[in-house]
Amino acid sequence: MPLSSSPEDRPGLDPRRWLALTVISVATLMVVLDASIINIALPQAQSDLGISDANRQWAVTTYSLAFGGLLLLGGRIVDFVGRKRIFLIGLVGFAAASMISGIATTGAVLFAGRALQGVFAALLAPAALSLIAVTFTDVRERAKAFGVYGALQGAGGAVGVIIGGVLTEYTTWRWCMFVNTPIALAAALAALPTVRESRAEGRRRYDIPGALLVTTGLVALVWGFTHAAEKGWSSALSWALPIAGVLLIAAFIAVERRTAHPLLPLRVVLNRDRGGAFLISLLTGAGLFALMLFLTYYLQVNLGYQPLRPGRASS
């Protein structure tokens, strides 16, 4: 009797699956890198573009808000339009948005470019996860693949500040944005022959009202606190924006309770275990974002360190 075949020889498995995992992991590493690489470059970018102290955080926040606010909708688009197609669109769009950020001549252009990066990252990240899930059909291999992917993404934050320090010190802060373009385009070319197309079956349903409400609500909240830091709480807009943000988020919750195909099923966050994990992730992420930003300014502006040294310290 013939010996049982190993998983590598088993029919039905994609022979290029590990190469596809490499391409997917490298491509989505940019998503994590871009959340941290800007921190080291920001003091020079602020000085170069004349950004005020109150507004400098938008270089980080616009990316995070667009990414987080559109991530769930991006996942729905990925499943129905085509995982490989959206993965490629995300890569090309991310490359273009990075170029816009790199050539920015004003703070507003930089913020717009960063927001566009967040939009395409919201397509790229769920496309990558979906592609790994459908590429690795063997349960054990899938667990190993997600472990490799998670380890690389986890290291991305630390690597980002180091790369940001090297690029800022030896070139210019603009290369912290430009560096994404060749990586994204190379990943797109590599994905063409290695990644298979797939999509979910069924009727397409997108919760557009939910996506608009949660994204505009979060923007209003952040904008309100930013305005208060610059103008003080005596300004009517400093109160109006956070109140509008809270009302928009409350409207989002009401929409999610009533819609047949919610963007975020409330049972997910109301579950004690999942909700607790989400809350811990929120608090940890918020603390790390704030720490990295203020630590960068303290080391570079107050202590006069060159960019590479704060990059090593922040990692």
C-alpha atoms as a PDB file:
ATOM      1  CA  MET A   1       0.000   0.000   0.000  1.00  0.00           C
ATOM      2  CA  PRO A   2       1.308   3.490  -0.782  1.00  0.00           C
ATOM      3  CA  LEU A   3       2.307   5.648   2.105  1.00  0.00           C
ATOM      4  CA  SER A   4      -0.042   8.499   2.997  1.00  0.00           C
ATOM      5  CA  SER A   5       0.985  11.723   1.366  1.00  0.00           C
ATOM      6  CA  SER A   6       2.387  14.586   3.386  1.00  0.00           C
ATOM      7  CA  PRO A   7       0.511  17.888   3.565  1.00  0.00           C
ATOM      8  CA  GLU A   8       2.934  19.308   0.993  1.00  0.00           C
ATOM      9  CA  ASP A   9       1.942  16.591  -1.516  1.00  0.00           C
ATOM     10  CA  ARG A  10      -1.759  16.476  -0.718  1.00  0.00           C
ATOM     11  CA  PRO A  11      -3.895  17.265  -3.780  1.00  0.00           C
ATOM     12  CA  GLY A  12      -5.981  20.410  -3.618  1.00  0.00           C
ATOM     13  CA  LEU A  13      -3.419  22.475  -1.733  1.00  0.00           C
ATOM     14  CA  ASP A  14      -2.084  25.543  -3.495  1.00  0.00           C
ATOM     15  CA  PRO A  15       1.600  24.835  -4.309  1.00  0.00           C
ATOM     16  CA  ARG A  16       2.374  28.569  -4.141  1.00  0.00           C
ATOM     17  CA  ARG A  17       0.671  29.163  -0.805  1.00  0.00           C
ATOM     18  CA  TRP A  18       3.838  29.867   1.205  1.00  0.00           C
ATOM     19  CA  LEU A  19       5.130  32.260  -1.426  1.00  0.00           C
ATOM     20  CA  ALA A  20       1.717  33.945  -1.382  1.00  0.00           C
ATOM     21  CA  LEU A  21       1.966  34.257   2.425  1.00  0.00           C
ATOM     22  CA  THR A  22       5.340  35.980   2.055  1.00  0.00           C
ATOM     23  CA  VAL A  23       3.937  38.483  -0.438  1.00  0.00           C
ATOM     24  CA  ILE A  24       0.824  39.135   1.662  1.00  0.00           C
ATOM     25  CA  SER A  25       2.801  39.562   4.895  1.00  0.00           C
ATOM     26  CA  VAL A  26       5.336  41.967   3.388  1.00  0.00           C
ATOM     27  CA  ALA A  27       2.585  43.978   1.714  1.00  0.00           C
ATOM     28  CA  THR A  28       0.492  44.407   4.851  1.00  0.00           C
ATOM     29  CA  LEU A  29       3.564  45.102   6.966  1.00  0.00           C
ATOM     30  CA  MET A  30       3.327  48.615   5.489  1.00  0.00           C
ATOM     31  CA  VAL A  31      -0.026  49.090   7.216  1.00  0.00           C
ATOM     32  CA  VAL A  32       1.571  48.613  10.627  1.00  0.00           C
ATOM     33  CA  LEU A  33       4.765  50.448   9.720  1.00  0.00           C
ATOM     34  CA  ASP A  34       2.866  53.539   8.657  1.00  0.00           C
ATOM     35  CA  ALA A  35       1.162  53.817  12.005  1.00  0.00           C
ATOM     36  CA  SER A  36       4.571  54.259  13.691  1.00  0.00           C
ATOM     37  CA  ILE A  37       7.083  55.425  11.075  1.00  0.00           C
ATOM     38  CA  ILE A  38       5.556  58.922  10.919  1.00  0.00           C
ATOM     39  CA  ASN A  39       6.263  59.565  14.606  1.00  0.00           C
ATOM     40  CA  ILE A  40      10.026  59.913  14.168  1.00  0.00           C
ATOM     41  CA  ALA A  41       9.615  62.037  11.022  1.00  0.00           C
ATOM     42  CA  LEU A  42       6.936  64.316  12.456  1.00  0.00           C
ATOM     43  CA  PRO A  43       9.134  66.932  14.178  1.00  0.00           C
ATOM     44  CA  GLN A  44      10.967  67.646  10.900  1.00  0.00           C
ATOM     45  CA  ALA A  45       7.739  67.512   8.888  1.00  0.00           C
ATOM     46  CA  GLN A  46       6.090  69.951  11.284  1.00  0.00           C
ATOM     47  CA  SER A  47       8.949  72.407  10.972  1.00  0.00           C
ATOM     48  CA  ASP A  48       9.176  72.018   7.193  1.00  0.00           C
ATOM     49  CA  LEU A  49       5.440  72.436   6.540  1.00  0.00           C
ATOM     50  CA  GLY A  50       4.685  74.984   9.252  1.00  0.00           C
ATOM     51  CA  ILE A  51       2.202  72.787  11.137  1.00  0.00           C
ATOM     52  CA  SER A  52       1.023  74.112  14.487  1.00  0.00           C
ATOM     53  CA  ASP A  53       1.497  72.147  17.712  1.00  0.00           C
ATOM     54  CA  ALA A  54      -2.259  71.665  18.041  1.00  0.00           C
ATOM     55  CA  ASN A  55      -2.608  70.256  14.526  1.00  0.00           C
ATOM     56  CA  ARG A  56       0.497  68.080  14.288  1.00  0.00           C
ATOM     57  CA  GLN A  57      -1.325  65.055  15.715  1.00  0.00           C
ATOM     58  CA  TRP A  58      -3.502  64.954  12.572  1.00  0.00           C
ATOM     59  CA  ALA A  59      -0.570  63.392  10.715  1.00  0.00           C
ATOM     60  CA  VAL A  60      -1.110  60.337  12.911  1.00  0.00           C
ATOM     61  CA  THR A  61      -4.841  60.634  13.599  1.00  0.00           C
ATOM     62  CA  THR A  62      -6.117  61.018  10.026  1.00  0.00           C
ATOM     63  CA  TYR A  63      -4.494  57.723   9.093  1.00  0.00           C
ATOM     64  CA  SER A  64      -5.852  55.922  12.151  1.00  0.00           C
ATOM     65  CA  LEU A  65      -9.375  57.333  11.837  1.00  0.00           C
ATOM     66  CA  ALA A  66      -9.716  56.468   8.153  1.00  0.00           C
ATOM     67  CA  PHE A  67      -8.220  53.028   8.710  1.00  0.00           C
ATOM     68  CA  GLY A  68     -10.275  52.144  11.785  1.00  0.00           C
ATOM     69  CA  GLY A  69     -13.498  53.810  10.659  1.00  0.00           C
ATOM     70  CA  LEU A  70     -13.593  52.067   7.274  1.00  0.00           C
ATOM     71  CA  LEU A  71     -12.048  48.720   8.231  1.00  0.00           C
ATOM     72  CA  LEU A  72     -15.325  46.850   8.710  1.00  0.00           C
ATOM     73  CA  LEU A  73     -16.778  48.199   5.480  1.00  0.00           C
ATOM     74  CA  GLY A  74     -13.514  47.326   3.738  1.00  0.00           C
ATOM     75  CA  GLY A  75     -13.863  43.735   4.890  1.00  0.00           C
ATOM     76  CA  ARG A  76     -17.349  43.525   3.381  1.00  0.00           C
ATOM     77  CA  ILE A  77     -16.111  44.985   0.079  1.00  0.00           C
ATOM     78  CA  VAL A  78     -13.212  42.535  -0.001  1.00  0.00           C
ATOM     79  CA  ASP A  79     -15.465  39.501   0.338  1.00  0.00           C
ATOM     80  CA  PHE A  80     -17.933  40.470  -2.361  1.00  0.00           C
ATOM     81  CA  VAL A  81     -15.830  42.317  -4.961  1.00  0.00           C
ATOM     82  CA  GLY A  82     -12.895  39.895  -4.930  1.00  0.00           C
ATOM     83  CA  ARG A  83     -10.093  39.398  -2.449  1.00  0.00           C
ATOM     84  CA  LYS A  84      -7.178  39.493  -4.882  1.00  0.00           C
ATOM     85  CA  ARG A  85      -8.649  42.409  -6.831  1.00  0.00           C
ATOM     86  CA  ILE A  86      -9.112  44.542  -3.720  1.00  0.00           C
ATOM     87  CA  PHE A  87      -5.677  43.499  -2.429  1.00  0.00           C
ATOM     88  CA  LEU A  88      -4.099  44.833  -5.633  1.00  0.00           C
ATOM     89  CA  ILE A  89      -6.240  47.993  -5.562  1.00  0.00           C
ATOM     90  CA  GLY A  90      -5.201  48.545  -1.953  1.00  0.00           C
ATOM     91  CA  LEU A  91      -1.517  48.203  -2.813  1.00  0.00           C
ATOM     92  CA  VAL A  92      -1.613  50.565  -5.800  1.00  0.00           C
ATOM     93  CA  GLY A  93      -3.764  53.074  -3.919  1.00  0.00           C
ATOM     94  CA  PHE A  94      -1.468  52.934  -0.896  1.00  0.00           C
ATOM     95  CA  ALA A  95       1.519  53.598  -3.148  1.00  0.00           C
ATOM     96  CA  ALA A  96      -0.192  56.640  -4.701  1.00  0.00           C
ATOM     97  CA  ALA A  97      -1.305  57.995  -1.300  1.00  0.00           C
ATOM     98  CA  SER A  98       2.241  57.623   0.003  1.00  0.00           C
ATOM     99  CA  MET A  99       3.549  59.694  -2.891  1.00  0.00           C
ATOM    100  CA  ILE A 100       0.988  62.416  -2.134  1.00  0.00           C
ATOM    101  CA  SER A 101       2.105  62.466   1.508  1.00  0.00           C
ATOM    102  CA  GLY A 102       5.764  62.584   0.524  1.00  0.00           C
ATOM    103  CA  ILE A 103       5.460  65.530  -1.864  1.00  0.00           C
ATOM    104  CA  ALA A 104       3.209  67.531   0.472  1.00  0.00           C
ATOM    105  CA  THR A 105       3.960  71.244   0.581  1.00  0.00           C
ATOM    106  CA  THR A 106       1.426  72.074   3.312  1.00  0.00           C
ATOM    107  CA  GLY A 107       0.113  70.359   6.392  1.00  0.00           C
ATOM    108  CA  ALA A 108      -3.320  69.969   4.804  1.00  0.00           C
ATOM    109  CA  VAL A 109      -1.875  68.005   1.870  1.00  0.00           C
ATOM    110  CA  LEU A 110       0.069  65.770   4.260  1.00  0.00           C
ATOM    111  CA  PHE A 111      -3.067  65.110   6.302  1.00  0.00           C
ATOM    112  CA  ALA A 112      -5.069  64.337   3.146  1.00  0.00           C
ATOM    113  CA  GLY A 113      -2.395  61.923   1.940  1.00  0.00           C
ATOM    114  CA  ARG A 114      -2.327  60.198   5.314  1.00  0.00           C
ATOM    115  CA  ALA A 115      -6.120  59.868   5.279  1.00  0.00           C
ATOM    116  CA  LEU A 116      -5.937  58.276   1.813  1.00  0.00           C
ATOM    117  CA  GLN A 117      -3.328  55.862   3.122  1.00  0.00           C
ATOM    118  CA  GLY A 118      -5.791  54.897   5.845  1.00  0.00           C
ATOM    119  CA  VAL A 119      -8.580  54.350   3.307  1.00  0.00           C
ATOM    120  CA  PHE A 120      -6.502  51.942   1.229  1.00  0.00           C
ATOM    121  CA  ALA A 121      -5.112  50.279   4.354  1.00  0.00           C
ATOM    122  CA  ALA A 122      -8.738  49.554   5.324  1.00  0.00           C
ATOM    123  CA  LEU A 123      -8.997  47.566   2.073  1.00  0.00           C
ATOM    124  CA  LEU A 124      -5.543  46.014   2.227  1.00  0.00           C
ATOM    125  CA  ALA A 125      -5.654  44.595   5.768  1.00  0.00           C
ATOM    126  CA  PRO A 126      -8.927  42.593   5.521  1.00  0.00           C
ATOM    127  CA  ALA A 127      -8.008  41.440   2.013  1.00  0.00           C
ATOM    128  CA  ALA A 128      -4.761  39.990   3.389  1.00  0.00           C
ATOM    129  CA  LEU A 129      -6.503  38.122   6.213  1.00  0.00           C
ATOM    130  CA  SER A 130      -9.156  36.748   3.862  1.00  0.00           C
ATOM    131  CA  LEU A 131      -6.553  35.628   1.333  1.00  0.00           C
ATOM    132  CA  ILE A 132      -4.615  33.738   4.003  1.00  0.00           C
ATOM    133  CA  ALA A 133      -7.805  32.044   5.202  1.00  0.00           C
ATOM    134  CA  VAL A 134      -8.809  30.841   1.720  1.00  0.00           C
ATOM    135  CA  THR A 135      -5.268  30.018   0.538  1.00  0.00           C
ATOM    136  CA  PHE A 136      -4.461  27.710   3.454  1.00  0.00           C
ATOM    137  CA  THR A 137      -7.207  25.083   3.463  1.00  0.00           C
ATOM    138  CA  ASP A 138      -5.393  22.717   5.842  1.00  0.00           C
ATOM    139  CA  VAL A 139      -6.282  23.622   9.443  1.00  0.00           C
ATOM    140  CA  ARG A 140      -2.778  23.123  10.860  1.00  0.00           C
ATOM    141  CA  GLU A 141      -1.112  25.016   8.036  1.00  0.00           C
ATOM    142  CA  ARG A 142      -3.626  27.837   8.393  1.00  0.00           C
ATOM    143  CA  ALA A 143      -2.804  28.203  12.100  1.00  0.00           C
ATOM    144  CA  LYS A 144       0.919  28.272  11.280  1.00  0.00           C
ATOM    145  CA  ALA A 145       0.350  30.823   8.505  1.00  0.00           C
ATOM    146  CA  PHE A 146      -1.618  33.148  10.780  1.00  0.00           C
ATOM    147  CA  GLY A 147       1.096  32.772  13.429  1.00  0.00           C
ATOM    148  CA  VAL A 148       3.794  33.859  10.962  1.00  0.00           C
ATOM    149  CA  TYR A 149       1.596  36.715   9.742  1.00  0.00           C
ATOM    150  CA  GLY A 150       0.827  37.899  13.273  1.00  0.00           C
ATOM    151  CA  ALA A 151       4.467  37.795  14.343  1.00  0.00           C
ATOM    152  CA  LEU A 152       5.523  39.941  11.385  1.00  0.00           C
ATOM    153  CA  GLN A 153       2.751  42.456  11.986  1.00  0.00           C
ATOM    154  CA  GLY A 154       3.565  42.605  15.683  1.00  0.00           C
ATOM    155  CA  ALA A 155       7.185  43.430  14.914  1.00  0.00           C
ATOM    156  CA  GLY A 156       6.111  46.101  12.433  1.00  0.00           C
ATOM    157  CA  GLY A 157       5.558  48.803  15.040  1.00  0.00           C
ATOM    158  CA  ALA A 158       9.074  48.470  16.452  1.00  0.00           C
ATOM    159  CA  VAL A 159      10.651  48.212  13.012  1.00  0.00           C
ATOM    160  CA  GLY A 160       8.723  51.280  11.838  1.00  0.00           C
ATOM    161  CA  VAL A 161      10.288  53.703  14.308  1.00  0.00           C
ATOM    162  CA  ILE A 162      13.786  52.379  13.580  1.00  0.00           C
ATOM    163  CA  ILE A 163      13.303  52.708   9.809  1.00  0.00           C
ATOM    164  CA  GLY A 164      11.799  56.141  10.371  1.00  0.00           C
ATOM    165  CA  GLY A 165      14.868  57.170  12.356  1.00  0.00           C
ATOM    166  CA  VAL A 166      17.289  55.952   9.676  1.00  0.00           C
ATOM    167  CA  LEU A 167      15.396  57.598   6.800  1.00  0.00           C
ATOM    168  CA  THR A 168      14.846  60.878   8.615  1.00  0.00           C
ATOM    169  CA  GLU A 169      18.436  61.210   9.819  1.00  0.00           C
ATOM    170  CA  TYR A 170      20.216  60.206   6.617  1.00  0.00           C
ATOM    171  CA  THR A 171      17.747  61.428   3.976  1.00  0.00           C
ATOM    172  CA  THR A 172      14.620  63.453   4.792  1.00  0.00           C
ATOM    173  CA  TRP A 173      11.273  62.898   6.484  1.00  0.00           C
ATOM    174  CA  ARG A 174       9.653  62.623   3.037  1.00  0.00           C
ATOM    175  CA  TRP A 175      11.319  59.265   2.452  1.00  0.00           C
ATOM    176  CA  CYS A 176       9.319  57.870   5.351  1.00  0.00           C
ATOM    177  CA  MET A 177       6.384  58.231   2.964  1.00  0.00           C
ATOM    178  CA  PHE A 178       8.166  57.527  -0.338  1.00  0.00           C
ATOM    179  CA  VAL A 179       9.546  54.190   0.893  1.00  0.00           C
ATOM    180  CA  ASN A 180       6.067  52.651   0.743  1.00  0.00           C
ATOM    181  CA  THR A 181       5.704  53.180  -3.006  1.00  0.00           C
ATOM    182  CA  PRO A 182       8.356  50.765  -4.355  1.00  0.00           C
ATOM    183  CA  ILE A 183       7.422  48.165  -1.717  1.00  0.00           C
ATOM    184  CA  ALA A 184       3.718  48.354  -2.584  1.00  0.00           C
ATOM    185  CA  LEU A 185       4.285  48.213  -6.342  1.00  0.00           C
ATOM    186  CA  ALA A 186       6.749  45.310  -6.037  1.00  0.00           C
ATOM    187  CA  ALA A 187       4.275  43.436  -3.829  1.00  0.00           C
ATOM    188  CA  ALA A 188       1.491  44.022  -6.356  1.00  0.00           C
ATOM    189  CA  LEU A 189       3.628  42.607  -9.182  1.00  0.00           C
ATOM    190  CA  ALA A 190       4.603  39.619  -7.039  1.00  0.00           C
ATOM    191  CA  ALA A 191       0.968  38.979  -6.084  1.00  0.00           C
ATOM    192  CA  LEU A 192      -0.236  38.708  -9.677  1.00  0.00           C
ATOM    193  CA  PRO A 193       1.139  35.182 -10.302  1.00  0.00           C
ATOM    194  CA  THR A 194       1.116  33.899  -6.708  1.00  0.00           C
ATOM    195  CA  VAL A 195      -2.247  34.913  -5.199  1.00  0.00           C
ATOM    196  CA  ARG A 196      -5.503  33.318  -6.326  1.00  0.00           C
ATOM    197  CA  GLU A 197      -8.733  35.245  -6.768  1.00  0.00           C
ATOM    198  CA  SER A 198     -11.756  34.353  -4.633  1.00  0.00           C
ATOM    199  CA  ARG A 199     -14.959  35.987  -3.448  1.00  0.00           C
ATOM    200  CA  ALA A 200     -17.913  35.241  -1.199  1.00  0.00           C
ATOM    201  CA  GLU A 201     -21.178  34.038  -2.671  1.00  0.00           C
ATOM    202  CA  GLY A 202     -24.508  35.665  -1.995  1.00  0.00           C
ATOM    203  CA  ARG A 203     -26.174  39.027  -2.330  1.00  0.00           C
ATOM    204  CA  ARG A 204     -24.006  42.094  -1.791  1.00  0.00           C
ATOM    205  CA  ARG A 205     -25.099  44.215   1.146  1.00  0.00           C
ATOM    206  CA  TYR A 206     -23.090  47.166   2.441  1.00  0.00           C
ATOM    207  CA  ASP A 207     -23.915  49.127   5.582  1.00  0.00           C
ATOM    208  CA  ILE A 208     -22.985  52.526   4.131  1.00  0.00           C
ATOM    209  CA  PRO A 209     -24.961  54.570   6.734  1.00  0.00           C
ATOM    210  CA  GLY A 210     -23.174  52.765   9.549  1.00  0.00           C
ATOM    211  CA  ALA A 211     -19.746  53.385   8.046  1.00  0.00           C
ATOM    212  CA  LEU A 212     -20.466  57.096   7.503  1.00  0.00           C
ATOM    213  CA  LEU A 213     -21.881  57.589  10.992  1.00  0.00           C
ATOM    214  CA  VAL A 214     -19.048  55.918  12.897  1.00  0.00           C
ATOM    215  CA  THR A 215     -16.301  57.565  10.819  1.00  0.00           C
ATOM    216  CA  THR A 216     -17.738  61.093  10.991  1.00  0.00           C
ATOM    217  CA  GLY A 217     -18.504  60.626  14.679  1.00  0.00           C
ATOM    218  CA  LEU A 218     -14.910  59.720  15.491  1.00  0.00           C
ATOM    219  CA  VAL A 219     -13.573  62.576  13.353  1.00  0.00           C
ATOM    220  CA  ALA A 220     -15.878  65.040  15.126  1.00  0.00           C
ATOM    221  CA  LEU A 221     -14.682  63.845  18.534  1.00  0.00           C
ATOM    222  CA  VAL A 222     -10.986  64.166  17.669  1.00  0.00           C
ATOM    223  CA  TRP A 223     -11.516  67.466  15.872  1.00  0.00           C
ATOM    224  CA  GLY A 224     -13.364  68.839  18.883  1.00  0.00           C
ATOM    225  CA  PHE A 225     -10.575  67.993  21.332  1.00  0.00           C
ATOM    226  CA  THR A 226      -7.978  69.363  18.902  1.00  0.00           C
ATOM    227  CA  HIS A 227      -9.925  72.609  18.558  1.00  0.00           C
ATOM    228  CA  ALA A 228     -10.234  72.860  22.343  1.00  0.00           C
ATOM    229  CA  ALA A 229      -6.458  72.438  22.732  1.00  0.00           C
ATOM    230  CA  GLU A 230      -5.903  75.343  20.342  1.00  0.00           C
ATOM    231  CA  LYS A 231      -8.800  77.703  21.164  1.00  0.00           C
ATOM    232  CA  GLY A 232      -9.812  76.609  24.652  1.00  0.00           C
ATOM    233  CA  TRP A 233     -13.144  75.392  25.984  1.00  0.00           C
ATOM    234  CA  SER A 234     -14.602  78.890  25.853  1.00  0.00           C
ATOM    235  CA  SER A 235     -15.135  78.397  22.119  1.00  0.00           C
ATOM    236  CA  ALA A 236     -18.588  77.118  21.155  1.00  0.00           C
ATOM    237  CA  LEU A 237     -17.066  74.843  18.501  1.00  0.00           C
ATOM    238  CA  SER A 238     -14.973  73.107  21.163  1.00  0.00           C
ATOM    239  CA  TRP A 239     -18.243  71.880  22.715  1.00  0.00           C
ATOM    240  CA  ALA A 240     -20.293  71.473  19.550  1.00  0.00           C
ATOM    241  CA  LEU A 241     -17.910  69.059  17.828  1.00  0.00           C
ATOM    242  CA  PRO A 242     -17.568  66.507  20.672  1.00  0.00           C
ATOM    243  CA  ILE A 243     -21.329  66.625  21.283  1.00  0.00           C
ATOM    244  CA  ALA A 244     -21.940  66.039  17.566  1.00  0.00           C
ATOM    245  CA  GLY A 245     -19.460  63.164  17.677  1.00  0.00           C
ATOM    246  CA  VAL A 246     -21.257  61.500  20.580  1.00  0.00           C
ATOM    247  CA  LEU A 247     -24.637  61.918  18.852  1.00  0.00           C
ATOM    248  CA  LEU A 248     -23.288  60.450  15.604  1.00  0.00           C
ATOM    249  CA  ILE A 249     -21.858  57.433  17.414  1.00  0.00           C
ATOM    250  CA  ALA A 250     -25.169  56.988  19.255  1.00  0.00           C
ATOM    251  CA  ALA A 251     -26.926  57.103  15.871  1.00  0.00           C
ATOM    252  CA  PHE A 252     -24.480  54.471  14.613  1.00  0.00           C
ATOM    253  CA  ILE A 253     -25.415  52.172  17.487  1.00  0.00           C
ATOM    254  CA  ALA A 254     -29.122  52.712  16.760  1.00  0.00           C
ATOM    255  CA  VAL A 255     -28.602  51.898  13.071  1.00  0.00           C
ATOM    256  CA  GLU A 256     -26.621  48.758  13.900  1.00  0.00           C
ATOM    257  CA  ARG A 257     -29.428  47.536  16.157  1.00  0.00           C
ATOM    258  CA  ARG A 258     -32.047  47.849  13.422  1.00  0.00           C
ATOM    259  CA  THR A 259     -30.312  47.039  10.140  1.00  0.00           C
ATOM    260  CA  ALA A 260     -30.546  43.505   8.766  1.00  0.00           C
ATOM    261  CA  HIS A 261     -26.864  43.419   7.805  1.00  0.00           C
ATOM    262  CA  PRO A 262     -24.995  45.515  10.388  1.00  0.00           C
ATOM    263  CA  LEU A 263     -21.446  46.637   9.868  1.00  0.00           C
ATOM    264  CA  LEU A 264     -20.733  45.741  13.490  1.00  0.00           C
ATOM    265  CA  PRO A 265     -23.182  43.258  15.083  1.00  0.00           C
ATOM    266  CA  LEU A 266     -23.636  44.525  18.626  1.00  0.00           C
ATOM    267  CA  ARG A 267     -23.632  40.990  20.021  1.00  0.00           C
ATOM    268  CA  VAL A 268     -19.914  40.904  19.238  1.00  0.00           C
ATOM    269  CA  VAL A 269     -18.988  43.842  21.473  1.00  0.00           C
ATOM    270  CA  LEU A 270     -21.607  43.024  24.116  1.00  0.00           C
ATOM    271  CA  ASN A 271     -20.089  39.607  24.632  1.00  0.00           C
ATOM    272  CA  ARG A 272     -18.110  39.840  27.872  1.00  0.00           C
ATOM    273  CA  ASP A 273     -14.975  38.077  26.626  1.00  0.00           C
ATOM    274  CA  ARG A 274     -14.823  39.773  23.245  1.00  0.00           C
ATOM    275  CA  GLY A 275     -15.847  43.154  24.589  1.00  0.00           C
ATOM    276  CA  GLY A 276     -13.191  42.978  27.289  1.00  0.00           C
ATOM    277  CA  ALA A 277     -10.531  42.055  24.738  1.00  0.00           C
ATOM    278  CA  PHE A 278     -11.586  44.951  22.489  1.00  0.00           C
ATOM    279  CA  LEU A 279     -11.475  47.378  25.423  1.00  0.00           C
ATOM    280  CA  ILE A 280      -7.977  46.237  26.416  1.00  0.00           C
ATOM    281  CA  SER A 281      -6.812  46.569  22.802  1.00  0.00           C
ATOM    282  CA  LEU A 282      -8.289  50.080  22.632  1.00  0.00           C
ATOM    283  CA  LEU A 283      -6.605  51.249  25.829  1.00  0.00           C
ATOM    284  CA  THR A 284      -3.280  49.623  24.920  1.00  0.00           C
ATOM    285  CA  GLY A 285      -3.278  51.086  21.409  1.00  0.00           C
ATOM    286  CA  ALA A 286      -4.233  54.559  22.632  1.00  0.00           C
ATOM    287  CA  GLY A 287      -1.477  54.494  25.239  1.00  0.00           C
ATOM    288  CA  LEU A 288       1.162  53.316  22.774  1.00  0.00           C
ATOM    289  CA  PHE A 289       0.186  55.898  20.144  1.00  0.00           C
ATOM    290  CA  ALA A 290       0.375  58.727  22.669  1.00  0.00           C
ATOM    291  CA  LEU A 291       3.611  57.458  24.223  1.00  0.00           C
ATOM    292  CA  MET A 292       5.419  57.108  20.900  1.00  0.00           C
ATOM    293  CA  LEU A 293       4.358  60.568  19.722  1.00  0.00           C
ATOM    294  CA  PHE A 294       5.273  62.472  22.880  1.00  0.00           C
ATOM    295  CA  LEU A 295       8.442  60.438  23.491  1.00  0.00           C
ATOM    296  CA  THR A 296       9.626  61.323  19.993  1.00  0.00           C
ATOM    297  CA  TYR A 297       9.112  65.047  20.586  1.00  0.00           C
ATOM    298  CA  TYR A 298      10.709  64.924  24.018  1.00  0.00           C
ATOM    299  CA  LEU A 299      13.828  63.147  22.746  1.00  0.00           C
ATOM    300  CA  GLN A 300      14.249  65.193  19.570  1.00  0.00           C
ATOM    301  CA  VAL A 301      13.030  68.645  20.615  1.00  0.00           C
ATOM    302  CA  ASN A 302      13.763  68.789  24.342  1.00  0.00           C
ATOM    303  CA  LEU A 303      16.904  66.654  24.489  1.00  0.00           C
ATOM    304  CA  GLY A 304      18.152  67.446  20.983  1.00  0.00           C
ATOM    305  CA  TYR A 305      18.669  63.841  19.856  1.00  0.00           C
ATOM    306  CA  GLN A 306      19.105  63.038  16.167  1.00  0.00           C
ATOM    307  CA  PRO A 307      16.183  61.019  14.687  1.00  0.00           C
ATOM    308  CA  LEU A 308      17.889  57.602  14.727  1.00  0.00           C
ATOM    309  CA  ARG A 309      18.496  57.638  18.474  1.00  0.00           C
ATOM    310  CA  PRO A 310      14.815  58.251  19.392  1.00  0.00           C
ATOM    311  CA  GLY A 311      13.899  55.567  16.871  1.00  0.00           C
ATOM    312  CA  ARG A 312      15.999  53.000  18.716  1.00  0.00           C
ATOM    313  CA  ALA A 313      14.711  54.218  22.078  1.00  0.00           C
ATOM    314  CA  SER A 314      11.041  54.085  21.013  1.00  0.00           C
ATOM    315  CA  SER A 315      11.356  50.536  19.686  1.00  0.00           C
END
